C-alpha atoms as a PDB file:
ATOM      1  CA  MET A   1     120.974 164.167 159.325  1.00  0.00           C
ATOM      2  CA  TRP A   2     123.102 163.761 156.250  1.00  0.00           C
ATOM      3  CA  THR A   3     124.490 166.843 154.579  1.00  0.00           C
ATOM      4  CA  LEU A   4     125.074 167.506 150.951  1.00  0.00           C
ATOM      5  CA  ASP A   5     127.498 170.542 150.288  1.00  0.00           C
ATOM      6  CA  GLY A   6     126.737 171.936 153.662  1.00  0.00           C
ATOM      7  CA  THR A   7     122.846 171.993 153.228  1.00  0.00           C
ATOM      8  CA  ALA A   8     120.325 169.961 155.239  1.00  0.00           C
ATOM      9  CA  TYR A   9     119.918 166.401 153.483  1.00  0.00           C
ATOM     10  CA  PRO A  10     117.219 166.791 150.886  1.00  0.00           C
ATOM     11  CA  ASN A  11     113.576 165.993 151.687  1.00  0.00           C
ATOM     12  CA  GLY A  12     112.719 163.457 148.945  1.00  0.00           C
ATOM     13  CA  MET A  13     114.044 162.111 145.723  1.00  0.00           C
ATOM     14  CA  LEU A  14     113.461 165.183 143.556  1.00  0.00           C
ATOM     15  CA  SER A  15     115.138 167.280 145.929  1.00  0.00           C
ATOM     16  CA  LEU A  16     118.168 164.819 146.157  1.00  0.00           C
ATOM     17  CA  ILE A  17     118.389 164.635 142.227  1.00  0.00           C
ATOM     18  CA  GLU A  18     118.540 168.338 141.959  1.00  0.00           C
ATOM     19  CA  LYS A  19     120.940 169.043 144.826  1.00  0.00           C
ATOM     20  CA  TRP A  20     123.335 166.076 143.780  1.00  0.00           C
ATOM     21  CA  HIS A  21     123.269 167.302 140.173  1.00  0.00           C
ATOM     22  CA  ALA A  22     124.047 170.772 141.300  1.00  0.00           C
ATOM     23  CA  GLY A  23     127.013 169.320 143.365  1.00  0.00           C
ATOM     24  CA  SER A  24     128.536 167.527 140.016  1.00  0.00           C
ATOM     25  CA  PRO A  25     131.602 168.962 138.416  1.00  0.00           C
ATOM     26  CA  GLU A  26     129.215 170.721 135.713  1.00  0.00           C
ATOM     27  CA  GLY A  27     128.158 172.862 138.682  1.00  0.00           C
ATOM     28  CA  GLY A  28     131.390 173.450 140.480  1.00  0.00           C
ATOM     29  CA  GLY A  29     130.835 171.211 143.378  1.00  0.00           C
ATOM     30  CA  ARG A  30     131.932 167.756 144.743  1.00  0.00           C
ATOM     31  CA  SER A  31     131.606 164.709 142.420  1.00  0.00           C
ATOM     32  CA  THR A  32     129.039 161.937 143.261  1.00  0.00           C
ATOM     33  CA  GLU A  33     131.795 159.745 144.250  1.00  0.00           C
ATOM     34  CA  ASP A  34     133.083 162.182 146.974  1.00  0.00           C
ATOM     35  CA  ILE A  35     129.570 162.590 148.345  1.00  0.00           C
ATOM     36  CA  LEU A  36     129.073 158.847 148.646  1.00  0.00           C
ATOM     37  CA  ASP A  37     132.415 158.431 150.496  1.00  0.00           C
ATOM     38  CA  LYS A  38     131.791 161.259 152.951  1.00  0.00           C
ATOM     39  CA  GLU A  39     128.118 160.364 153.614  1.00  0.00           C
ATOM     40  CA  ARG A  40     128.146 156.602 153.636  1.00  0.00           C
ATOM     41  CA  LYS A  41     127.196 155.400 157.302  1.00  0.00           C
ATOM     42  CA  GLY A  42     127.525 151.952 158.779  1.00  0.00           C
ATOM     43  CA  ASP A  43     127.403 148.696 157.099  1.00  0.00           C
ATOM     44  CA  PRO A  44     125.725 147.914 153.648  1.00  0.00           C
ATOM     45  CA  VAL A  45     122.285 146.645 153.689  1.00  0.00           C
ATOM     46  CA  PRO A  46     121.637 143.678 151.435  1.00  0.00           C
ATOM     47  CA  VAL A  47     119.605 144.697 148.625  1.00  0.00           C
ATOM     48  CA  ASP A  48     117.564 141.574 148.799  1.00  0.00           C
ATOM     49  CA  SER A  49     116.504 142.363 152.327  1.00  0.00           C
ATOM     50  CA  VAL A  50     114.509 145.548 151.290  1.00  0.00           C
ATOM     51  CA  ALA A  51     111.414 146.593 149.140  1.00  0.00           C
ATOM     52  CA  LEU A  52     112.648 148.847 146.498  1.00  0.00           C
ATOM     53  CA  LEU A  53     110.318 151.807 145.732  1.00  0.00           C
ATOM     54  CA  THR A  54     110.446 153.507 142.602  1.00  0.00           C
ATOM     55  CA  PRO A  55     113.356 155.753 142.464  1.00  0.00           C
ATOM     56  CA  VAL A  56     111.315 158.761 141.085  1.00  0.00           C
ATOM     57  CA  LEU A  57     108.000 158.229 142.987  1.00  0.00           C
ATOM     58  CA  ASP A  58     106.090 161.251 141.498  1.00  0.00           C
ATOM     59  CA  PRO A  59     108.071 162.459 138.350  1.00  0.00           C
ATOM     60  CA  PRO A  60     106.839 166.120 137.377  1.00  0.00           C
ATOM     61  CA  SER A  61     106.545 164.621 133.887  1.00  0.00           C
ATOM     62  CA  ILE A  62     106.943 161.281 131.987  1.00  0.00           C
ATOM     63  CA  VAL A  63     107.727 162.022 128.277  1.00  0.00           C
ATOM     64  CA  CYS A  64     108.002 159.149 125.960  1.00  0.00           C
ATOM     65  CA  ILE A  65     109.237 158.685 122.490  1.00  0.00           C
ATOM     66  CA  GLY A  66     107.434 156.360 120.016  1.00  0.00           C
ATOM     67  CA  LYS A  67     109.108 154.278 117.097  1.00  0.00           C
ATOM     68  CA  ASN A  68     112.637 155.066 117.864  1.00  0.00           C
ATOM     69  CA  TYR A  69     114.125 151.885 116.783  1.00  0.00           C
ATOM     70  CA  LEU A  70     114.001 150.794 113.157  1.00  0.00           C
ATOM     71  CA  GLU A  71     113.243 147.296 113.787  1.00  0.00           C
ATOM     72  CA  HIS A  72     110.226 148.255 115.986  1.00  0.00           C
ATOM     73  CA  ILE A  73     108.676 150.441 113.257  1.00  0.00           C
ATOM     74  CA  GLY A  74     105.745 148.500 111.817  1.00  0.00           C
ATOM     75  CA  GLU A  75     105.769 145.547 113.797  1.00  0.00           C
ATOM     76  CA  VAL A  76     102.723 146.706 115.830  1.00  0.00           C
ATOM     77  CA  ASP A  77     101.133 148.546 112.749  1.00  0.00           C
ATOM     78  CA  ALA A  78     101.281 145.435 110.751  1.00  0.00           C
ATOM     79  CA  THR A  79      99.420 143.332 113.317  1.00  0.00           C
ATOM     80  CA  LEU A  80      97.191 146.069 114.623  1.00  0.00           C
ATOM     81  CA  PRO A  81      96.575 148.252 111.777  1.00  0.00           C
ATOM     82  CA  GLY A  82      95.397 152.157 112.527  1.00  0.00           C
ATOM     83  CA  ILE A  83      97.258 152.072 115.975  1.00  0.00           C
ATOM     84  CA  SER A  84      98.970 155.222 114.681  1.00  0.00           C
ATOM     85  CA  LEU A  85      98.141 157.658 111.675  1.00  0.00           C
ATOM     86  CA  MET A  86     101.464 157.486 110.017  1.00  0.00           C
ATOM     87  CA  GLY A  87     101.468 153.664 109.713  1.00  0.00           C
ATOM     88  CA  ALA A  88     104.700 151.800 109.278  1.00  0.00           C
ATOM     89  CA  ALA A  89     106.640 154.914 107.964  1.00  0.00           C
ATOM     90  CA  ALA A  90     109.760 155.859 109.777  1.00  0.00           C
ATOM     91  CA  PRO A  91     109.141 159.363 111.693  1.00  0.00           C
ATOM     92  CA  GLU A  92     110.835 162.341 110.256  1.00  0.00           C
ATOM     93  CA  TYR A  93     110.666 163.896 113.878  1.00  0.00           C
ATOM     94  CA  PRO A  94     110.462 162.101 117.235  1.00  0.00           C
ATOM     95  CA  ILE A  95     106.912 160.976 118.213  1.00  0.00           C
ATOM     96  CA  ILE A  96     106.268 162.394 121.435  1.00  0.00           C
ATOM     97  CA  PHE A  97     103.515 161.294 124.059  1.00  0.00           C
ATOM     98  CA  THR A  98     103.216 161.319 127.730  1.00  0.00           C
ATOM     99  CA  LYS A  99     102.134 158.826 130.552  1.00  0.00           C
ATOM    100  CA  ALA A 100     100.478 159.820 133.757  1.00  0.00           C
ATOM    101  CA  PRO A 101     102.432 160.074 136.826  1.00  0.00           C
ATOM    102  CA  THR A 102      99.740 157.941 138.601  1.00  0.00           C
ATOM    103  CA  SER A 103     100.798 155.020 136.485  1.00  0.00           C
ATOM    104  CA  VAL A 104     104.300 154.662 138.142  1.00  0.00           C
ATOM    105  CA  ILE A 105     105.224 151.649 140.306  1.00  0.00           C
ATOM    106  CA  GLY A 106     108.601 150.342 141.312  1.00  0.00           C
ATOM    107  CA  HIS A 107     110.703 147.161 140.986  1.00  0.00           C
ATOM    108  CA  GLY A 108     108.834 144.154 142.378  1.00  0.00           C
ATOM    109  CA  GLN A 109     105.440 145.803 142.409  1.00  0.00           C
ATOM    110  CA  ALA A 110     102.646 144.346 140.265  1.00  0.00           C
ATOM    111  CA  ILE A 111     101.449 145.115 136.979  1.00  0.00           C
ATOM    112  CA  GLU A 112      97.799 145.101 137.323  1.00  0.00           C
ATOM    113  CA  ILE A 113      95.582 143.583 134.324  1.00  0.00           C
ATOM    114  CA  PRO A 114      92.426 145.370 133.792  1.00  0.00           C
ATOM    115  CA  PRO A 115      89.053 143.519 133.540  1.00  0.00           C
ATOM    116  CA  LYS A 116      88.463 142.162 130.068  1.00  0.00           C
ATOM    117  CA  HIS A 117      85.907 144.469 129.244  1.00  0.00           C
ATOM    118  CA  VAL A 118      88.383 147.334 129.622  1.00  0.00           C
ATOM    119  CA  THR A 119      91.308 145.803 127.691  1.00  0.00           C
ATOM    120  CA  GLN A 120      92.463 142.403 126.317  1.00  0.00           C
ATOM    121  CA  SER A 121      95.962 143.351 125.133  1.00  0.00           C
ATOM    122  CA  VAL A 122      98.066 144.452 127.746  1.00  0.00           C
ATOM    123  CA  ASP A 123     101.789 144.599 126.246  1.00  0.00           C
ATOM    124  CA  TYR A 124     105.354 145.425 127.459  1.00  0.00           C
ATOM    125  CA  GLU A 125     108.000 147.851 126.246  1.00  0.00           C
ATOM    126  CA  GLY A 126     111.366 147.918 127.597  1.00  0.00           C
ATOM    127  CA  GLU A 127     113.054 151.321 127.389  1.00  0.00           C
ATOM    128  CA  LEU A 128     115.936 153.279 128.709  1.00  0.00           C
ATOM    129  CA  GLY A 129     114.856 156.115 130.837  1.00  0.00           C
ATOM    130  CA  ILE A 130     116.622 159.471 131.190  1.00  0.00           C
ATOM    131  CA  VAL A 131     116.246 161.224 134.480  1.00  0.00           C
ATOM    132  CA  ILE A 132     116.600 165.082 134.310  1.00  0.00           C
ATOM    133  CA  GLY A 133     118.771 166.731 136.878  1.00  0.00           C
ATOM    134  CA  GLU A 134     118.209 170.544 136.701  1.00  0.00           C
ATOM    135  CA  LEU A 135     115.588 173.246 135.607  1.00  0.00           C
ATOM    136  CA  VAL A 136     116.069 173.700 131.939  1.00  0.00           C
ATOM    137  CA  VAL A 137     114.146 176.628 130.465  1.00  0.00           C
ATOM    138  CA  PRO A 138     112.848 176.084 126.849  1.00  0.00           C
ATOM    139  CA  GLY A 139     115.650 176.284 124.275  1.00  0.00           C
ATOM    140  CA  THR A 140     118.534 175.841 126.510  1.00  0.00           C
ATOM    141  CA  ILE A 141     119.534 172.457 124.965  1.00  0.00           C
ATOM    142  CA  VAL A 142     121.207 173.045 121.605  1.00  0.00           C
ATOM    143  CA  ASP A 143     123.875 170.460 121.277  1.00  0.00           C
ATOM    144  CA  ALA A 144     125.170 167.230 122.905  1.00  0.00           C
ATOM    145  CA  GLU A 145     127.069 169.071 125.434  1.00  0.00           C
ATOM    146  CA  THR A 146     123.860 171.123 126.772  1.00  0.00           C
ATOM    147  CA  ALA A 147     121.839 167.936 126.704  1.00  0.00           C
ATOM    148  CA  TRP A 148     124.260 165.996 128.653  1.00  0.00           C
ATOM    149  CA  ASN A 149     124.587 168.639 131.161  1.00  0.00           C
ATOM    150  CA  ALA A 150     120.990 168.353 131.917  1.00  0.00           C
ATOM    151  CA  VAL A 151     120.981 164.626 132.485  1.00  0.00           C
ATOM    152  CA  PHE A 152     121.226 163.361 136.023  1.00  0.00           C
ATOM    153  CA  GLY A 153     121.244 159.750 135.157  1.00  0.00           C
ATOM    154  CA  PHE A 154     119.436 156.595 133.696  1.00  0.00           C
ATOM    155  CA  THR A 155     116.892 154.066 134.751  1.00  0.00           C
ATOM    156  CA  VAL A 156     114.875 151.397 133.137  1.00  0.00           C
ATOM    157  CA  VAL A 157     111.291 152.172 132.294  1.00  0.00           C
ATOM    158  CA  ASN A 158     108.816 149.311 131.126  1.00  0.00           C
ATOM    159  CA  ASP A 159     106.191 151.466 129.190  1.00  0.00           C
ATOM    160  CA  VAL A 160     103.303 149.124 129.592  1.00  0.00           C
ATOM    161  CA  THR A 161     100.488 149.558 127.183  1.00  0.00           C
ATOM    162  CA  ALA A 162      96.878 148.493 126.605  1.00  0.00           C
ATOM    163  CA  ARG A 163      97.074 148.223 122.709  1.00  0.00           C
ATOM    164  CA  ASP A 164      93.195 148.064 121.875  1.00  0.00           C
ATOM    165  CA  THR A 165      92.828 151.410 124.089  1.00  0.00           C
ATOM    166  CA  GLN A 166      95.880 152.914 122.334  1.00  0.00           C
ATOM    167  CA  LYS A 167      94.507 152.293 118.936  1.00  0.00           C
ATOM    168  CA  GLN A 168      90.977 153.718 120.052  1.00  0.00           C
ATOM    169  CA  HIS A 169      92.266 156.909 121.003  1.00  0.00           C
ATOM    170  CA  GLN A 170      95.091 157.443 118.695  1.00  0.00           C
ATOM    171  CA  GLN A 171      97.051 160.001 120.971  1.00  0.00           C
ATOM    172  CA  TRP A 172      98.070 156.890 123.069  1.00  0.00           C
ATOM    173  CA  TYR A 173      97.972 158.650 126.407  1.00  0.00           C
ATOM    174  CA  LEU A 174      95.018 156.503 127.958  1.00  0.00           C
ATOM    175  CA  GLY A 175      96.406 153.314 126.609  1.00  0.00           C
ATOM    176  CA  LYS A 176      99.614 153.905 128.362  1.00  0.00           C
ATOM    177  CA  SER A 177      98.360 155.549 131.539  1.00  0.00           C
ATOM    178  CA  PHE A 178      96.431 152.937 133.250  1.00  0.00           C
ATOM    179  CA  ASP A 179      97.529 152.658 137.053  1.00  0.00           C
ATOM    180  CA  THR A 180     100.724 150.452 137.284  1.00  0.00           C
ATOM    181  CA  PHE A 181     101.364 150.878 133.556  1.00  0.00           C
ATOM    182  CA  CYS A 182     104.703 152.526 134.222  1.00  0.00           C
ATOM    183  CA  PRO A 183     107.231 150.509 136.193  1.00  0.00           C
ATOM    184  CA  ILE A 184     110.534 152.510 136.871  1.00  0.00           C
ATOM    185  CA  GLY A 185     113.650 151.171 138.466  1.00  0.00           C
ATOM    186  CA  PRO A 186     115.139 149.463 140.228  1.00  0.00           C
ATOM    187  CA  TRP A 187     117.194 152.582 140.722  1.00  0.00           C
ATOM    188  CA  VAL A 188     118.686 155.538 138.946  1.00  0.00           C
ATOM    189  CA  VAL A 189     122.548 155.313 137.961  1.00  0.00           C
ATOM    190  CA  PRO A 190     124.155 158.730 137.742  1.00  0.00           C
ATOM    191  CA  LYS A 191     125.439 159.292 134.325  1.00  0.00           C
ATOM    192  CA  ARG A 192     129.075 159.145 135.272  1.00  0.00           C
ATOM    193  CA  GLY A 193     128.459 155.716 137.190  1.00  0.00           C
ATOM    194  CA  LEU A 194     127.710 153.889 133.938  1.00  0.00           C
ATOM    195  CA  LEU A 195     130.131 151.161 133.095  1.00  0.00           C
ATOM    196  CA  GLY A 196     133.126 152.403 134.455  1.00  0.00           C
ATOM    197  CA  LEU A 197     132.668 156.136 133.523  1.00  0.00           C
ATOM    198  CA  GLY A 198     134.308 158.335 136.432  1.00  0.00           C
ATOM    199  CA  ALA A 199     133.920 161.958 137.863  1.00  0.00           C
ATOM    200  CA  GLU A 200     136.119 163.284 135.021  1.00  0.00           C
ATOM    201  CA  SER A 201     133.812 161.821 132.069  1.00  0.00           C
ATOM    202  CA  SER A 202     132.868 164.372 129.678  1.00  0.00           C
ATOM    203  CA  ALA A 203     129.687 164.652 127.776  1.00  0.00           C
ATOM    204  CA  SER A 204     131.376 163.069 124.643  1.00  0.00           C
ATOM    205  CA  ASP A 205     132.305 159.999 126.704  1.00  0.00           C
ATOM    206  CA  VAL A 206     128.712 159.487 127.972  1.00  0.00           C
ATOM    207  CA  GLN A 207     127.553 160.081 124.203  1.00  0.00           C
ATOM    208  CA  LYS A 208     130.003 157.491 123.123  1.00  0.00           C
ATOM    209  CA  LEU A 209     128.902 154.952 125.495  1.00  0.00           C
ATOM    210  CA  ILE A 210     125.030 155.505 125.061  1.00  0.00           C
ATOM    211  CA  GLY A 211     124.888 156.435 121.448  1.00  0.00           C
ATOM    212  CA  GLU A 212     127.885 154.873 119.599  1.00  0.00           C
ATOM    213  CA  THR A 213     128.919 151.692 121.617  1.00  0.00           C
ATOM    214  CA  GLY A 214     125.481 151.201 122.915  1.00  0.00           C
ATOM    215  CA  LEU A 215     124.186 149.740 126.125  1.00  0.00           C
ATOM    216  CA  GLY A 216     122.312 146.275 125.646  1.00  0.00           C
ATOM    217  CA  ILE A 217     118.559 146.434 126.275  1.00  0.00           C
ATOM    218  CA  GLY A 218     116.349 143.506 126.554  1.00  0.00           C
ATOM    219  CA  THR A 219     113.043 142.124 128.068  1.00  0.00           C
ATOM    220  CA  ASN A 220     111.981 138.815 129.159  1.00  0.00           C
ATOM    221  CA  VAL A 221     108.641 137.282 130.089  1.00  0.00           C
ATOM    222  CA  ASN A 222     108.709 134.232 132.303  1.00  0.00           C
ATOM    223  CA  GLY A 223     112.559 133.899 131.380  1.00  0.00           C
ATOM    224  CA  GLU A 224     111.911 133.929 127.760  1.00  0.00           C
ATOM    225  CA  TRP A 225     113.718 136.615 126.035  1.00  0.00           C
ATOM    226  CA  ARG A 226     111.214 138.743 123.865  1.00  0.00           C
ATOM    227  CA  GLN A 227     113.325 141.922 123.062  1.00  0.00           C
ATOM    228  CA  SER A 228     117.076 142.500 122.519  1.00  0.00           C
ATOM    229  CA  SER A 229     118.979 145.219 121.088  1.00  0.00           C
ATOM    230  CA  LYS A 230     121.430 148.283 121.995  1.00  0.00           C
ATOM    231  CA  THR A 231     120.699 151.930 122.650  1.00  0.00           C
ATOM    232  CA  ASN A 232     122.993 152.686 119.736  1.00  0.00           C
ATOM    233  CA  ALA A 233     120.212 151.567 117.453  1.00  0.00           C
ATOM    234  CA  MET A 234     118.041 154.573 118.535  1.00  0.00           C
ATOM    235  CA  LEU A 235     116.838 156.594 115.293  1.00  0.00           C
ATOM    236  CA  PHE A 236     116.706 159.750 117.520  1.00  0.00           C
ATOM    237  CA  ASP A 237     119.825 159.824 120.221  1.00  0.00           C
ATOM    238  CA  VAL A 238     119.512 161.195 123.686  1.00  0.00           C
ATOM    239  CA  PRO A 239     120.780 164.880 122.631  1.00  0.00           C
ATOM    240  CA  ALA A 240     118.559 164.943 119.707  1.00  0.00           C
ATOM    241  CA  ILE A 241     115.351 163.887 121.979  1.00  0.00           C
ATOM    242  CA  LEU A 242     116.196 166.319 124.643  1.00  0.00           C
ATOM    243  CA  ALA A 243     116.647 169.036 122.156  1.00  0.00           C
ATOM    244  CA  VAL A 244     113.182 168.262 120.567  1.00  0.00           C
ATOM    245  CA  VAL A 245     111.326 168.254 123.980  1.00  0.00           C
ATOM    246  CA  ASN A 246     113.261 171.150 125.268  1.00  0.00           C
ATOM    247  CA  LYS A 247     112.115 173.544 122.437  1.00  0.00           C
ATOM    248  CA  ALA A 248     108.613 173.342 123.931  1.00  0.00           C
ATOM    249  CA  MET A 249     108.614 172.780 127.652  1.00  0.00           C
ATOM    250  CA  THR A 250     110.644 173.443 130.628  1.00  0.00           C
ATOM    251  CA  LEU A 251     112.408 170.245 132.030  1.00  0.00           C
ATOM    252  CA  ARG A 252     112.561 169.963 135.627  1.00  0.00           C
ATOM    253  CA  PRO A 253     114.648 167.756 138.104  1.00  0.00           C
ATOM    254  CA  GLY A 254     113.078 164.298 138.196  1.00  0.00           C
ATOM    255  CA  ASP A 255     111.506 164.370 134.786  1.00  0.00           C
ATOM    256  CA  VAL A 256     111.671 160.963 133.090  1.00  0.00           C
ATOM    257  CA  ILE A 257     112.206 160.573 129.336  1.00  0.00           C
ATOM    258  CA  ALA A 258     111.468 157.073 128.036  1.00  0.00           C
ATOM    259  CA  THR A 259     113.530 156.706 124.881  1.00  0.00           C
ATOM    260  CA  GLY A 260     111.526 153.983 122.860  1.00  0.00           C
ATOM    261  CA  THR A 261     111.463 150.202 122.841  1.00  0.00           C
ATOM    262  CA  PRO A 262     113.064 147.837 120.251  1.00  0.00           C
ATOM    263  CA  ALA A 263     111.349 144.918 118.273  1.00  0.00           C
ATOM    264  CA  GLY A 264     109.775 142.182 119.952  1.00  0.00           C
ATOM    265  CA  VAL A 265     106.743 143.455 121.765  1.00  0.00           C
ATOM    266  CA  GLY A 266     103.781 141.051 122.313  1.00  0.00           C
ATOM    267  CA  ALA A 267     101.675 142.799 119.570  1.00  0.00           C
ATOM    268  CA  GLY A 268     104.282 142.122 116.960  1.00  0.00           C
ATOM    269  CA  MET A 269     104.350 138.434 117.457  1.00  0.00           C
ATOM    270  CA  ASP A 270     102.200 135.859 115.674  1.00  0.00           C
ATOM    271  CA  PRO A 271     100.158 134.852 117.288  1.00  0.00           C
ATOM    272  CA  LYS A 272     100.144 137.812 119.797  1.00  0.00           C
ATOM    273  CA  ARG A 273     101.403 137.207 123.188  1.00  0.00           C
ATOM    274  CA  PHE A 274     100.157 139.784 125.566  1.00  0.00           C
ATOM    275  CA  LEU A 275     100.764 139.985 129.255  1.00  0.00           C
ATOM    276  CA  LYS A 276      98.539 137.767 131.483  1.00  0.00           C
ATOM    277  CA  LYS A 277      98.146 137.333 135.084  1.00  0.00           C
ATOM    278  CA  GLY A 278     100.757 135.199 136.700  1.00  0.00           C
ATOM    279  CA  ASP A 279     103.464 136.293 134.330  1.00  0.00           C
ATOM    280  CA  GLU A 280     106.790 138.014 135.296  1.00  0.00           C
ATOM    281  CA  CYS A 281     108.034 140.681 133.196  1.00  0.00           C
ATOM    282  CA  ALA A 282     111.820 141.825 133.442  1.00  0.00           C
ATOM    283  CA  VAL A 283     113.423 144.697 131.616  1.00  0.00           C
ATOM    284  CA  THR A 284     117.427 144.581 131.670  1.00  0.00           C
ATOM    285  CA  ILE A 285     119.553 147.579 130.456  1.00  0.00           C
ATOM    286  CA  GLU A 286     123.456 146.987 130.632  1.00  0.00           C
ATOM    287  CA  GLY A 287     125.292 149.107 133.200  1.00  0.00           C
ATOM    288  CA  ILE A 288     121.875 149.844 135.122  1.00  0.00           C
ATOM    289  CA  GLY A 289     120.164 146.633 136.164  1.00  0.00           C
ATOM    290  CA  THR A 290     117.004 144.587 135.875  1.00  0.00           C
ATOM    291  CA  LEU A 291     113.563 145.903 136.477  1.00  0.00           C
ATOM    292  CA  ARG A 292     111.328 142.993 137.307  1.00  0.00           C
ATOM    293  CA  ASN A 293     107.605 143.258 138.081  1.00  0.00           C
ATOM    294  CA  PRO A 294     105.065 140.290 138.425  1.00  0.00           C
ATOM    295  CA  VAL A 295     101.778 140.551 136.657  1.00  0.00           C
ATOM    296  CA  ARG A 296      98.554 140.025 138.323  1.00  0.00           C
END
């Protein structure tokens, strides 16, 4: 059995995230690089030879941010008026909603299109996903440093949405929580593993990469690029998002925070171009990877 800082190997991904995060320099333990060097056994397994499950199978919470890219604001409201009560105005505060954990699937698993009498407008939304690494009681996150200390790493999220259901219910939960409507993956990259950041990287180094330099983010359907932007275009950056969410709720290891989507969703096109059976939807984020899902 593998060990992590002298303890039994974690039983499940949520336990692994918590123990690995506790072993990071913030917690006084070994760095993730040291852990990997010590625990790696045998020859590498080619990733193409295995089926990748979602890296966070049963997240305690999936919290999502709406209208967080300026170019995305209004593109849905203009073509589907009434989908949000505030219309096309830029939000003064982050728009917060959730998705059901039962909607989660992994890389390579299929997004299932419901029957036509249920929805006729299934859309994609490629997003940067934050994975929380520790228990954070409300009010703990007060600045960039405390925000980044709570972050274990990053993944790719596709916030699949039934636009007609979203409009009917206003609060968006049902329209975004159909089974298979939350692909997450293909893996989680620890924050110090992003694009050359190392064990000695500080909160300001991570902030600069994500919020100032920016990671490229894009979505393509059947090889056609539909979305293209960078994470530095977010209206509310990662520390701001986490501070707002943590005002009200305890964050737990394995919580996933989806940070919003850029322009280019199917609902914003003329004519609209929603997902259909036989499509393949792929979301790519620089430094993390590509989350690819067939549609059936």
